[in-house]
């Protein structure tokens, strides 16, 4: 290396050490204006543009410039392995992972021993892009092994390795910052983490930890900046994405949270938890078809039976109560049943879906199976009472409601429904009134029970008392929305006509 090149690199390194990357870039550009064919400076300039993201948060434009300089350097006969490797890193930052993998392969064509960094990059890209395939998972592990084998021959890889183990230098401060967080002294912890970032800029976990603290004290905008910084340094960082979406969710910014999840899913397409989380956000936004699609993806991926069963039940609920697709709801609940056949709530949900479909035979089978698991369960007996009532078998319905009340004397719904059978189907007014009063005693905010008691009292001719309970029902219903308020008002208006 000539003394001229040594002096130029020395000056560039000086600027970098002082954090004056823009000045280093301007220095390179000045020399290139005089000597446009200095391929070594094109490579350095590309490196500098890559480094500039540590000072500028929104730096993709500089990455594009870096790619242009690396392409130019290749044309001018620069170190092809180095240029292709750096281009792979650029493309990784732009979330173009398949293109990055191709550039890493191109880099390996021009080097053998000095390839530790390239193999490690390939290992990470293969791991996140294709980890569901046994073949590519195996290949990813092979690349990791090769990165270790060639480490002694790769000068730049050794530099990066020693840079990473510098964490030992900040270990006492890390422990102090962790302890301060436990003591809720967040301001001091922030100060420690900021100092540590100054010592080891580009160490991704520090930015994530700082973002976590900002989130904990409600400074979501600051947290988002730190998570974005971590993601920019390492676009494959799981913690950065996770913290970022949590910050957006806590702010109620569902659009940005969804956008981040979609980017995250593009990196980890087979992560069921990500699909479930984004489905919840779509549901909260009222975009139900999108929610259903991602719930289905989560169920299909099925990481753990208990967890997947819960997602399948959620999917069933959305299909039954929002989409109004009873067949799809039954299918989802049946999937949950196959995963966790002893989960009682699934039987209740599946029986309800069969009831909505007017498939009373299967609803009856499901509820009876549920009773085999818990014969004294008040809710199942209550649902069976409702089923028999819908089938017109009043004596069986009464029996089930009475069993429900026997096993849970405070079950307001069972009291109320039994009262409606006595009032509307059997005309036993006093029994009905007693049931409604028992329902109100169990749940003083049960608007429907007040409304039904008022109906019973109006039939008995106790109009003043009935008016009082209609008014109570109306007032409570303004909060609970159990009944059409116009129906209560009509009953109240017609009471004294």
Protein backbone atom coordinates (compact mmCIF):
# COMPACT_ATOMS: atom_id res chain seq x y z
CA UNK A 1 0.00 0.00 0.00
CA UNK A 2 1.48 3.35 -1.04
CA UNK A 3 2.05 6.08 1.53
CA UNK A 4 -0.60 8.17 -0.26
CA UNK A 5 -3.26 5.52 0.29
CA UNK A 6 -2.14 5.03 3.89
CA UNK A 7 -2.40 8.77 4.59
CA UNK A 8 -5.85 9.00 2.99
CA UNK A 9 -7.17 6.02 5.00
CA UNK A 10 -5.60 7.45 8.14
CA UNK A 11 -7.44 10.75 7.61
CA UNK A 12 -10.73 8.93 6.96
CA UNK A 13 -10.30 6.84 10.11
CA UNK A 14 -9.62 9.99 12.09
CA UNK A 15 -12.88 11.53 10.94
CA UNK A 16 -14.70 8.30 11.82
CA UNK A 17 -13.23 8.13 15.31
CA UNK A 18 -14.44 11.66 15.96
CA UNK A 19 -17.92 10.78 14.70
CA UNK A 20 -17.54 13.14 11.72
CA UNK A 21 -18.71 10.72 9.06
CA UNK A 22 -20.13 13.43 6.82
CA UNK A 23 -16.72 15.13 6.76
CA UNK A 24 -15.09 11.79 5.88
CA UNK A 25 -17.54 11.41 2.98
CA UNK A 26 -16.80 14.94 1.76
CA UNK A 27 -13.06 14.21 2.03
CA UNK A 28 -13.44 11.11 -0.19
CA UNK A 29 -15.60 12.97 -2.69
CA UNK A 30 -13.01 15.77 -2.97
CA UNK A 31 -10.28 13.28 -3.87
CA UNK A 32 -12.54 11.43 -6.32
CA UNK A 33 -13.24 14.66 -8.17
CA UNK A 34 -9.52 14.81 -8.95
CA UNK A 35 -8.97 11.06 -9.33
CA UNK A 36 -12.29 9.49 -10.41
CA UNK A 37 -10.75 6.05 -11.02
CA UNK A 38 -9.58 5.51 -7.41
CA UNK A 39 -11.62 2.31 -6.87
CA UNK A 40 -10.27 1.96 -3.32
CA UNK A 41 -11.96 5.25 -2.42
CA UNK A 42 -15.22 4.18 -4.03
CA UNK A 43 -15.25 1.21 -1.66
CA UNK A 44 -14.41 3.40 1.35
CA UNK A 45 -17.11 5.86 0.34
CA UNK A 46 -19.63 3.04 0.16
CA UNK A 47 -18.54 1.91 3.63
CA UNK A 48 -18.97 5.45 4.96
CA UNK A 49 -22.48 5.76 3.58
CA UNK A 50 -23.25 2.45 5.29
CA UNK A 51 -21.92 3.82 8.58
CA UNK A 52 -23.85 7.07 8.35
CA UNK A 53 -27.05 5.42 9.58
CA UNK A 54 -25.62 5.66 13.10
CA UNK A 55 -26.01 9.44 12.91
CA UNK A 56 -29.09 9.78 10.71
CA UNK A 57 -32.28 7.91 11.53
CA UNK A 58 -33.85 8.04 8.09
CA UNK A 59 -30.92 6.95 6.02
CA UNK A 60 -32.17 4.66 3.25
CA UNK A 61 -31.22 7.28 0.67
CA UNK A 62 -27.61 6.93 1.81
CA UNK A 63 -27.81 3.16 1.49
CA UNK A 64 -28.91 3.64 -2.14
CA UNK A 65 -25.87 5.84 -2.69
CA UNK A 66 -23.67 3.18 -1.06
CA UNK A 67 -25.01 0.55 -3.48
CA UNK A 68 -24.22 2.85 -6.40
CA UNK A 69 -20.65 3.35 -5.17
CA UNK A 70 -20.12 -0.40 -4.67
CA UNK A 71 -21.36 -1.07 -8.21
CA UNK A 72 -19.01 1.61 -9.49
CA UNK A 73 -16.13 0.13 -7.49
CA UNK A 74 -16.76 -3.31 -9.03
CA UNK A 75 -16.61 -1.80 -12.51
CA UNK A 76 -13.30 -0.15 -11.61
CA UNK A 77 -11.73 -3.43 -10.53
CA UNK A 78 -12.13 -3.19 -6.74
CA UNK A 79 -12.17 -6.14 -4.33
CA UNK A 80 -15.24 -7.95 -5.69
CA UNK A 81 -15.77 -10.09 -2.60
CA UNK A 82 -15.77 -7.03 -0.35
CA UNK A 83 -18.07 -5.05 -2.65
CA UNK A 84 -20.61 -7.84 -3.07
CA UNK A 85 -20.59 -8.49 0.69
CA UNK A 86 -21.21 -4.81 1.43
CA UNK A 87 -23.97 -4.71 -1.16
CA UNK A 88 -25.55 -7.71 0.59
CA UNK A 89 -25.45 -5.75 3.85
CA UNK A 90 -27.02 -2.74 2.12
CA UNK A 91 -29.82 -4.86 0.69
CA UNK A 92 -30.42 -6.45 4.10
CA UNK A 93 -30.96 -2.97 5.54
CA UNK A 94 -33.46 -2.28 2.78
CA UNK A 95 -35.32 -5.49 3.75
CA UNK A 96 -34.49 -7.10 0.40
CA UNK A 97 -33.38 -10.39 1.94
CA UNK A 98 -33.50 -12.63 -1.13
CA UNK A 99 -31.38 -10.12 -3.09
CA UNK A 100 -29.00 -9.88 -0.13
CA UNK A 101 -28.58 -13.66 -0.14
CA UNK A 102 -27.77 -13.57 -3.86
CA UNK A 103 -25.10 -10.88 -3.29
CA UNK A 104 -23.59 -12.94 -0.46
CA UNK A 105 -23.32 -15.89 -2.85
CA UNK A 106 -21.67 -13.59 -5.41
CA UNK A 107 -19.16 -12.51 -2.77
CA UNK A 108 -18.21 -16.15 -2.09
CA UNK A 109 -17.33 -16.61 -5.75
CA UNK A 110 -14.39 -14.20 -5.32
CA UNK A 111 -12.92 -15.39 -2.03
CA UNK A 112 -12.39 -18.57 -0.05
CA UNK A 113 -10.46 -18.21 3.20
CA UNK A 114 -11.45 -14.59 3.93
CA UNK A 115 -15.13 -15.45 4.01
CA UNK A 116 -16.16 -15.70 7.68
CA UNK A 117 -18.37 -12.59 7.56
CA UNK A 118 -20.03 -13.73 4.34
CA UNK A 119 -20.89 -17.17 5.73
CA UNK A 120 -22.27 -15.62 8.91
CA UNK A 121 -24.49 -13.28 6.91
CA UNK A 122 -25.74 -16.22 4.86
CA UNK A 123 -26.45 -18.13 8.07
CA UNK A 124 -28.68 -15.32 9.39
CA UNK A 125 -30.50 -14.76 6.11
CA UNK A 126 -31.22 -18.46 5.63
CA UNK A 127 -32.33 -18.81 9.23
CA UNK A 128 -35.01 -16.13 9.05
CA UNK A 129 -36.14 -16.62 5.48
CA UNK A 130 -36.49 -20.36 5.22
CA UNK A 131 -36.31 -21.83 8.70
CA UNK A 132 -39.34 -24.09 8.13
CA UNK A 133 -37.42 -26.12 5.54
CA UNK A 134 -35.17 -28.84 6.93
CA UNK A 135 -32.80 -28.49 3.98
CA UNK A 136 -32.29 -24.75 4.39
CA UNK A 137 -32.16 -25.03 8.17
CA UNK A 138 -29.33 -27.52 7.74
CA UNK A 139 -27.66 -25.22 5.22
CA UNK A 140 -27.96 -22.30 7.66
CA UNK A 141 -26.17 -24.31 10.34
CA UNK A 142 -23.46 -25.28 7.86
CA UNK A 143 -22.92 -21.60 7.05
CA UNK A 144 -22.56 -20.83 10.75
CA UNK A 145 -19.96 -23.58 11.11
CA UNK A 146 -18.04 -22.26 8.10
CA UNK A 147 -18.05 -18.76 9.57
CA UNK A 148 -16.27 -20.15 12.65
CA UNK A 149 -13.81 -22.20 10.59
CA UNK A 150 -12.74 -19.25 8.44
CA UNK A 151 -12.68 -16.68 11.26
CA UNK A 152 -8.86 -16.85 11.75
CA UNK A 153 -8.31 -15.96 8.08
CA UNK A 154 -10.78 -13.06 7.86
CA UNK A 155 -9.26 -9.87 9.27
CA UNK A 156 -12.51 -7.87 9.11
CA UNK A 157 -14.48 -10.68 10.72
CA UNK A 158 -12.01 -10.77 13.60
CA UNK A 159 -12.42 -7.01 14.05
CA UNK A 160 -16.19 -7.43 14.24
CA UNK A 161 -15.80 -10.34 16.64
CA UNK A 162 -13.60 -8.35 19.00
CA UNK A 163 -15.99 -5.41 18.70
CA UNK A 164 -18.83 -7.65 19.88
CA UNK A 165 -16.96 -8.97 22.89
CA UNK A 166 -16.39 -5.37 23.98
CA UNK A 167 -19.62 -5.87 25.89
CA UNK A 168 -17.33 -6.97 28.75
CA UNK A 169 -16.23 -3.33 29.00
CA UNK A 170 -19.76 -2.12 29.71
CA UNK A 171 -20.88 -5.12 31.78
CA UNK A 172 -20.68 -3.26 35.15
CA UNK A 173 -22.74 -0.41 33.69
CA UNK A 174 -25.26 -2.89 32.28
CA UNK A 175 -25.71 -4.40 35.72
CA UNK A 176 -26.10 -0.92 37.28
CA UNK A 177 -28.67 0.09 34.64
CA UNK A 178 -30.62 -3.14 35.21
CA UNK A 179 -30.61 -2.53 38.97
CA UNK A 180 -31.75 1.08 38.49
CA UNK A 181 -34.68 -0.14 36.39
CA UNK A 182 -35.67 -2.49 39.20
CA UNK A 183 -35.61 0.50 41.57
CA UNK A 184 -37.76 2.49 39.08
CA UNK A 185 -34.99 5.10 38.76
CA UNK A 186 -35.57 5.35 35.02
CA UNK A 187 -33.86 8.71 34.49
CA UNK A 188 -30.56 7.36 35.82
CA UNK A 189 -30.98 4.15 33.81
CA UNK A 190 -31.52 6.18 30.63
CA UNK A 191 -28.35 8.10 31.35
CA UNK A 192 -26.38 4.86 31.78
CA UNK A 193 -27.72 3.30 28.58
CA UNK A 194 -26.99 6.49 26.62
CA UNK A 195 -23.38 6.45 27.84
CA UNK A 196 -23.04 2.79 26.91
CA UNK A 197 -24.32 3.49 23.39
CA UNK A 198 -21.67 6.19 23.07
CA UNK A 199 -19.02 3.62 24.06
CA UNK A 200 -20.30 0.84 21.77
CA UNK A 201 -22.36 2.47 18.99
CA UNK A 202 -24.17 -0.03 16.85
CA UNK A 203 -24.70 -2.62 19.64
CA UNK A 204 -28.36 -3.37 18.93
CA UNK A 205 -29.54 -4.68 22.35
CA UNK A 206 -28.69 -1.36 24.01
CA UNK A 207 -31.09 0.55 21.76
CA UNK A 208 -33.83 -2.00 22.49
CA UNK A 209 -33.25 -1.78 26.26
CA UNK A 210 -33.37 2.01 26.10
CA UNK A 211 -36.57 1.80 24.08
CA UNK A 212 -38.07 -0.49 26.74
CA UNK A 213 -37.37 2.10 29.44
CA UNK A 214 -38.94 4.90 27.42
CA UNK A 215 -42.02 2.71 26.91
CA UNK A 216 -42.19 1.98 30.64
CA UNK A 217 -42.39 5.70 31.47
CA UNK A 218 -44.84 6.49 28.68
CA UNK A 219 -42.40 8.24 26.32
CA UNK A 220 -43.50 6.28 23.29
CA UNK A 221 -42.12 8.64 20.66
CA UNK A 222 -38.62 8.33 22.15
CA UNK A 223 -39.05 4.55 22.41
CA UNK A 224 -40.02 4.33 18.74
CA UNK A 225 -36.86 6.21 17.73
CA UNK A 226 -34.69 3.75 19.68
CA UNK A 227 -36.45 0.67 18.28
CA UNK A 228 -36.19 2.06 14.75
CA UNK A 229 -32.51 2.69 15.34
CA UNK A 230 -32.01 -0.93 16.47
CA UNK A 231 -33.97 -2.21 13.48
CA UNK A 232 -31.93 -0.05 11.15
CA UNK A 233 -28.65 -1.34 12.55
CA UNK A 234 -29.90 -4.93 12.35
CA UNK A 235 -33.04 -5.38 10.28
CA UNK A 236 -33.31 -8.98 11.50
CA UNK A 237 -33.52 -8.01 15.19
CA UNK A 238 -36.62 -9.64 16.72
CA UNK A 239 -36.59 -7.45 19.87
CA UNK A 240 -36.60 -4.24 17.83
CA UNK A 241 -39.73 -5.25 15.91
CA UNK A 242 -41.43 -6.55 19.03
CA UNK A 243 -40.78 -3.36 21.00
CA UNK A 244 -41.80 -1.17 18.07
CA UNK A 245 -45.21 -2.79 17.58
CA UNK A 246 -45.88 -2.70 21.33
CA UNK A 247 -45.10 1.02 21.41
CA UNK A 248 -47.48 1.66 18.50
CA UNK A 249 -50.21 -0.46 20.10
CA UNK A 250 -49.88 1.36 23.42
CA UNK A 251 -50.27 4.66 21.54
CA UNK A 252 -53.37 3.32 19.76
CA UNK A 253 -51.59 3.76 16.43
CA UNK A 254 -52.89 0.53 14.88
CA UNK A 255 -51.98 1.48 11.31
CA UNK A 256 -48.27 1.74 12.07
CA UNK A 257 -48.43 -1.31 14.31
CA UNK A 258 -49.97 -3.35 11.47
CA UNK A 259 -47.44 -1.99 8.98
CA UNK A 260 -44.60 -3.06 11.30
CA UNK A 261 -46.15 -6.48 11.86
CA UNK A 262 -46.43 -7.00 8.09
CA UNK A 263 -42.74 -6.19 7.72
CA UNK A 264 -41.98 -8.52 10.63
CA UNK A 265 -44.07 -11.30 9.06
CA UNK A 266 -42.19 -10.88 5.77
CA UNK A 267 -39.06 -11.82 7.74
CA UNK A 268 -40.67 -14.51 9.89
CA UNK A 269 -43.56 -15.78 7.71
CA UNK A 270 -44.04 -18.93 9.80
CA UNK A 271 -44.31 -17.23 13.19
CA UNK A 272 -47.83 -18.02 14.39
CA UNK A 273 -47.74 -15.47 17.22
CA UNK A 274 -47.14 -12.64 14.76
CA UNK A 275 -50.14 -13.72 12.68
CA UNK A 276 -52.31 -13.91 15.80
CA UNK A 277 -51.20 -10.48 17.03
CA UNK A 278 -51.81 -8.75 13.72
CA UNK A 279 -55.20 -10.48 13.52
CA UNK A 280 -56.13 -8.92 16.88
CA UNK A 281 -55.22 -5.48 15.52
CA UNK A 282 -57.23 -5.98 12.34
CA UNK A 283 -60.18 -7.05 14.50
CA UNK A 284 -59.92 -3.90 16.64
CA UNK A 285 -59.85 -1.81 13.44
CA UNK A 286 -62.97 -3.58 12.17
CA UNK A 287 -61.14 -5.19 9.24
CA UNK A 288 -62.61 -8.62 9.95
CA UNK A 289 -61.72 -10.45 6.75
CA UNK A 290 -58.04 -9.61 7.25
CA UNK A 291 -58.32 -10.68 10.89
CA UNK A 292 -59.84 -14.03 9.91
CA UNK A 293 -57.10 -14.63 7.33
CA UNK A 294 -54.31 -14.16 9.88
CA UNK A 295 -56.11 -16.16 12.58
CA UNK A 296 -56.36 -19.01 10.07
CA UNK A 297 -52.63 -18.71 9.32
CA UNK A 298 -51.86 -18.90 13.06
CA UNK A 299 -54.02 -22.00 13.47
CA UNK A 300 -52.44 -23.65 10.42
CA UNK A 301 -48.92 -23.05 11.73
CA UNK A 302 -49.91 -24.53 15.14
CA UNK A 303 -46.78 -24.01 17.31
CA UNK A 304 -48.37 -25.40 20.51
CA UNK A 305 -51.71 -27.15 20.92
CA UNK A 306 -52.98 -25.16 23.92
CA UNK A 307 -52.07 -21.83 22.34
CA UNK A 308 -53.46 -22.78 18.93
CA UNK A 309 -56.70 -23.92 20.54
CA UNK A 310 -57.22 -20.44 22.02
CA UNK A 311 -56.61 -18.84 18.61
CA UNK A 312 -59.05 -21.27 16.99
CA UNK A 313 -61.69 -20.35 19.59
CA UNK A 314 -61.11 -16.66 18.88
CA UNK A 315 -61.47 -17.35 15.16
CA UNK A 316 -64.71 -19.21 15.86
CA UNK A 317 -66.04 -16.29 17.91
CA UNK A 318 -65.31 -13.83 15.08
CA UNK A 319 -66.90 -16.11 12.47
CA UNK A 320 -70.01 -16.69 14.60
CA UNK A 321 -70.65 -13.25 16.08
CA UNK A 322 -69.10 -10.82 13.59
CA UNK A 323 -68.83 -12.45 10.17
CA UNK A 324 -72.04 -14.44 10.84
CA UNK A 325 -70.61 -17.51 9.12
CA UNK A 326 -71.88 -20.30 11.36
CA UNK A 327 -70.35 -23.14 9.33
CA UNK A 328 -66.90 -21.54 9.50
CA UNK A 329 -67.38 -20.95 13.23
CA UNK A 330 -68.24 -24.62 13.79
CA UNK A 331 -65.16 -25.65 11.82
CA UNK A 332 -62.94 -23.40 13.95
CA UNK A 333 -64.43 -24.65 17.22
CA UNK A 334 -64.03 -28.25 16.07
CA UNK A 335 -60.35 -27.56 15.34
CA UNK A 336 -60.00 -26.24 18.88
CA UNK A 337 -61.78 -29.33 20.23
CA UNK A 338 -59.36 -31.67 18.45
CA UNK A 339 -56.43 -29.77 19.97
CA UNK A 340 -57.74 -29.59 23.54
CA UNK A 341 -60.67 -32.04 23.93
CA UNK A 342 -61.00 -31.42 27.67
CA UNK A 343 -61.42 -27.63 27.42
CA UNK A 344 -64.99 -26.97 28.59
CA UNK A 345 -65.40 -23.53 26.96
CA UNK A 346 -65.00 -25.14 23.53
CA UNK A 347 -68.05 -27.35 24.13
CA UNK A 348 -70.09 -24.33 25.16
CA UNK A 349 -69.00 -22.32 22.10
CA UNK A 350 -69.51 -25.25 19.71
CA UNK A 351 -72.93 -26.02 21.15
CA UNK A 352 -73.91 -22.36 20.75
CA UNK A 353 -72.78 -22.41 17.09
CA UNK A 354 -74.81 -25.55 16.38
CA UNK A 355 -77.81 -23.88 18.04
CA UNK A 356 -77.43 -20.81 15.81
CA UNK A 357 -77.43 -23.16 12.82
CA UNK A 358 -80.59 -24.79 14.24
CA UNK A 359 -78.72 -28.08 14.35
CA UNK A 360 -80.23 -28.99 17.71
CA UNK A 361 -79.24 -32.64 17.51
CA UNK A 362 -75.50 -31.88 17.39
CA UNK A 363 -75.87 -29.09 19.94
CA UNK A 364 -77.47 -31.60 22.32
CA UNK A 365 -74.66 -34.12 21.74
CA UNK A 366 -72.01 -31.48 22.48
CA UNK A 367 -73.66 -30.27 25.70
CA UNK A 368 -74.14 -33.82 26.96
CA UNK A 369 -70.46 -34.54 26.32
CA UNK A 370 -69.60 -31.39 28.24
CA UNK A 371 -71.65 -32.65 31.20
CA UNK A 372 -69.55 -35.80 31.20
CA UNK A 373 -66.59 -33.56 31.97
CA UNK A 374 -68.39 -31.41 34.55
CA UNK A 375 -71.84 -32.72 35.51
CA UNK A 376 -72.40 -29.90 38.03
CA UNK A 377 -71.54 -27.02 35.69
CA UNK A 378 -74.27 -24.38 35.95
CA UNK A 379 -73.49 -22.76 32.60
CA UNK A 380 -73.84 -26.00 30.64
CA UNK A 381 -77.17 -26.76 32.32
CA UNK A 382 -78.29 -23.21 31.52
CA UNK A 383 -77.30 -23.65 27.84
CA UNK A 384 -79.11 -27.00 27.76
CA UNK A 385 -82.18 -25.27 29.18
CA UNK A 386 -82.02 -22.70 26.38
CA UNK A 387 -81.59 -25.50 23.81
CA UNK A 388 -84.59 -27.49 25.07
CA UNK A 389 -86.60 -24.25 25.19
CA UNK A 390 -85.78 -23.60 21.54
CA UNK A 391 -86.79 -27.19 20.72
CA UNK A 392 -90.14 -26.66 22.43
CA UNK A 393 -89.43 -29.18 25.22
CA UNK A 394 -90.47 -26.93 28.11
CA UNK A 395 -90.39 -29.55 30.89
CA UNK A 396 -86.80 -30.47 30.01
CA UNK A 397 -85.88 -26.78 29.76
CA UNK A 398 -87.32 -26.07 33.23
CA UNK A 399 -85.47 -29.07 34.66
CA UNK A 400 -82.14 -27.85 33.24
CA UNK A 401 -82.64 -24.27 34.44
CA UNK A 402 -83.47 -25.54 37.92
CA UNK A 403 -80.30 -27.66 37.90
CA UNK A 404 -78.33 -24.60 36.80
CA UNK A 405 -79.73 -22.61 39.74
CA UNK A 406 -79.09 -25.53 42.09
CA UNK A 407 -75.39 -25.58 41.18
CA UNK A 408 -75.11 -21.76 41.15
CA UNK A 409 -77.84 -19.96 43.05
CA UNK A 410 -76.48 -16.63 41.85
CA UNK A 411 -76.76 -17.43 38.13
CA UNK A 412 -78.93 -14.49 37.05
CA UNK A 413 -79.44 -15.62 33.43
CA UNK A 414 -80.88 -18.99 34.53
CA UNK A 415 -83.33 -17.25 36.91
CA UNK A 416 -84.42 -14.79 34.20
CA UNK A 417 -84.86 -17.38 31.44
CA UNK A 418 -86.82 -19.69 33.73
CA UNK A 419 -89.02 -16.71 34.59
CA UNK A 420 -89.69 -15.99 30.90
CA UNK A 421 -90.85 -19.62 30.37
CA UNK A 422 -93.22 -19.29 33.34
CA UNK A 423 -94.46 -15.88 32.12
CA UNK A 424 -94.80 -16.32 28.35
CA UNK A 425 -95.25 -20.06 27.87
CA UNK A 426 -97.03 -21.27 31.03
CA UNK A 427 -98.68 -18.05 32.33
CA UNK A 428 -97.51 -18.71 35.91
CA UNK A 429 -97.22 -15.02 36.77
CA UNK A 430 -96.23 -15.33 40.42
CA UNK A 431 -93.55 -17.96 39.72
CA UNK A 432 -92.24 -15.76 36.92
CA UNK A 433 -92.11 -12.71 39.21
CA UNK A 434 -90.20 -14.68 41.83
CA UNK A 435 -87.66 -15.78 39.20
CA UNK A 436 -87.14 -12.21 37.96
CA UNK A 437 -86.68 -10.90 41.50
CA UNK A 438 -84.11 -13.65 42.11
CA UNK A 439 -82.29 -12.61 38.91
CA UNK A 440 -82.24 -8.97 40.07
CA UNK A 441 -80.98 -10.03 43.49
CA UNK A 442 -78.15 -11.96 41.81
CA UNK A 443 -77.35 -9.08 39.41
CA UNK A 444 -78.73 -5.64 40.36
CA UNK A 445 -77.61 -4.25 36.97
CA UNK A 446 -79.56 -6.77 34.88
CA UNK A 447 -81.81 -4.54 32.73
CA UNK A 448 -83.61 -7.47 31.07
CA UNK A 449 -84.68 -8.90 34.45
CA UNK A 450 -86.16 -5.51 35.50
CA UNK A 451 -87.94 -5.28 32.13
CA UNK A 452 -89.42 -8.79 32.46
CA UNK A 453 -90.48 -8.17 36.08
CA UNK A 454 -92.23 -5.02 34.91
CA UNK A 455 -94.04 -7.06 32.24
CA UNK A 456 -95.18 -9.57 34.87
CA UNK A 457 -96.37 -6.81 37.22
CA UNK A 458 -98.28 -5.05 34.41
CA UNK A 459 -100.16 -8.31 33.68
CA UNK A 460 -101.04 -8.55 37.38
CA UNK A 461 -102.40 -4.99 37.15
CA UNK A 462 -99.73 -3.44 39.38
CA UNK A 463 -99.13 -0.62 36.93
CA UNK A 464 -97.38 1.87 39.22
CA UNK A 465 -94.91 -0.77 40.37
CA UNK A 466 -94.49 -1.94 36.77
CA UNK A 467 -93.74 1.64 35.64
CA UNK A 468 -91.04 1.90 38.30
CA UNK A 469 -89.29 -1.23 37.04
CA UNK A 470 -89.67 -0.23 33.37
CA UNK A 471 -87.92 3.04 34.23
CA UNK A 472 -85.13 1.23 36.11
CA UNK A 473 -84.73 -1.10 33.12
CA UNK A 474 -84.54 1.91 30.79
CA UNK A 475 -81.89 3.66 32.92
CA UNK A 476 -79.68 0.58 33.28
CA UNK A 477 -80.14 -0.34 29.62
CA UNK A 478 -78.70 3.05 28.59
CA UNK A 479 -75.38 1.63 29.86
CA UNK A 480 -75.68 -2.13 29.19
CA UNK A 481 -77.60 -1.99 25.86
CA UNK A 482 -79.40 -5.30 26.43
CA UNK A 483 -82.76 -4.29 24.95
CA UNK A 484 -84.05 -1.95 22.26
CA UNK A 485 -84.74 1.23 24.30
CA UNK A 486 -87.72 2.05 22.08
CA UNK A 487 -89.37 -1.18 23.19
CA UNK A 488 -89.05 -0.23 26.87
CA UNK A 489 -90.34 3.28 26.16
CA UNK A 490 -93.36 1.91 24.25
CA UNK A 491 -94.22 -0.42 27.13
CA UNK A 492 -93.94 2.48 29.58
CA UNK A 493 -96.06 4.81 27.42
CA UNK A 494 -98.77 2.19 26.86
CA UNK A 495 -98.96 1.19 30.52
CA UNK A 496 -101.67 3.70 31.52
CA UNK A 497 -103.60 3.86 28.21
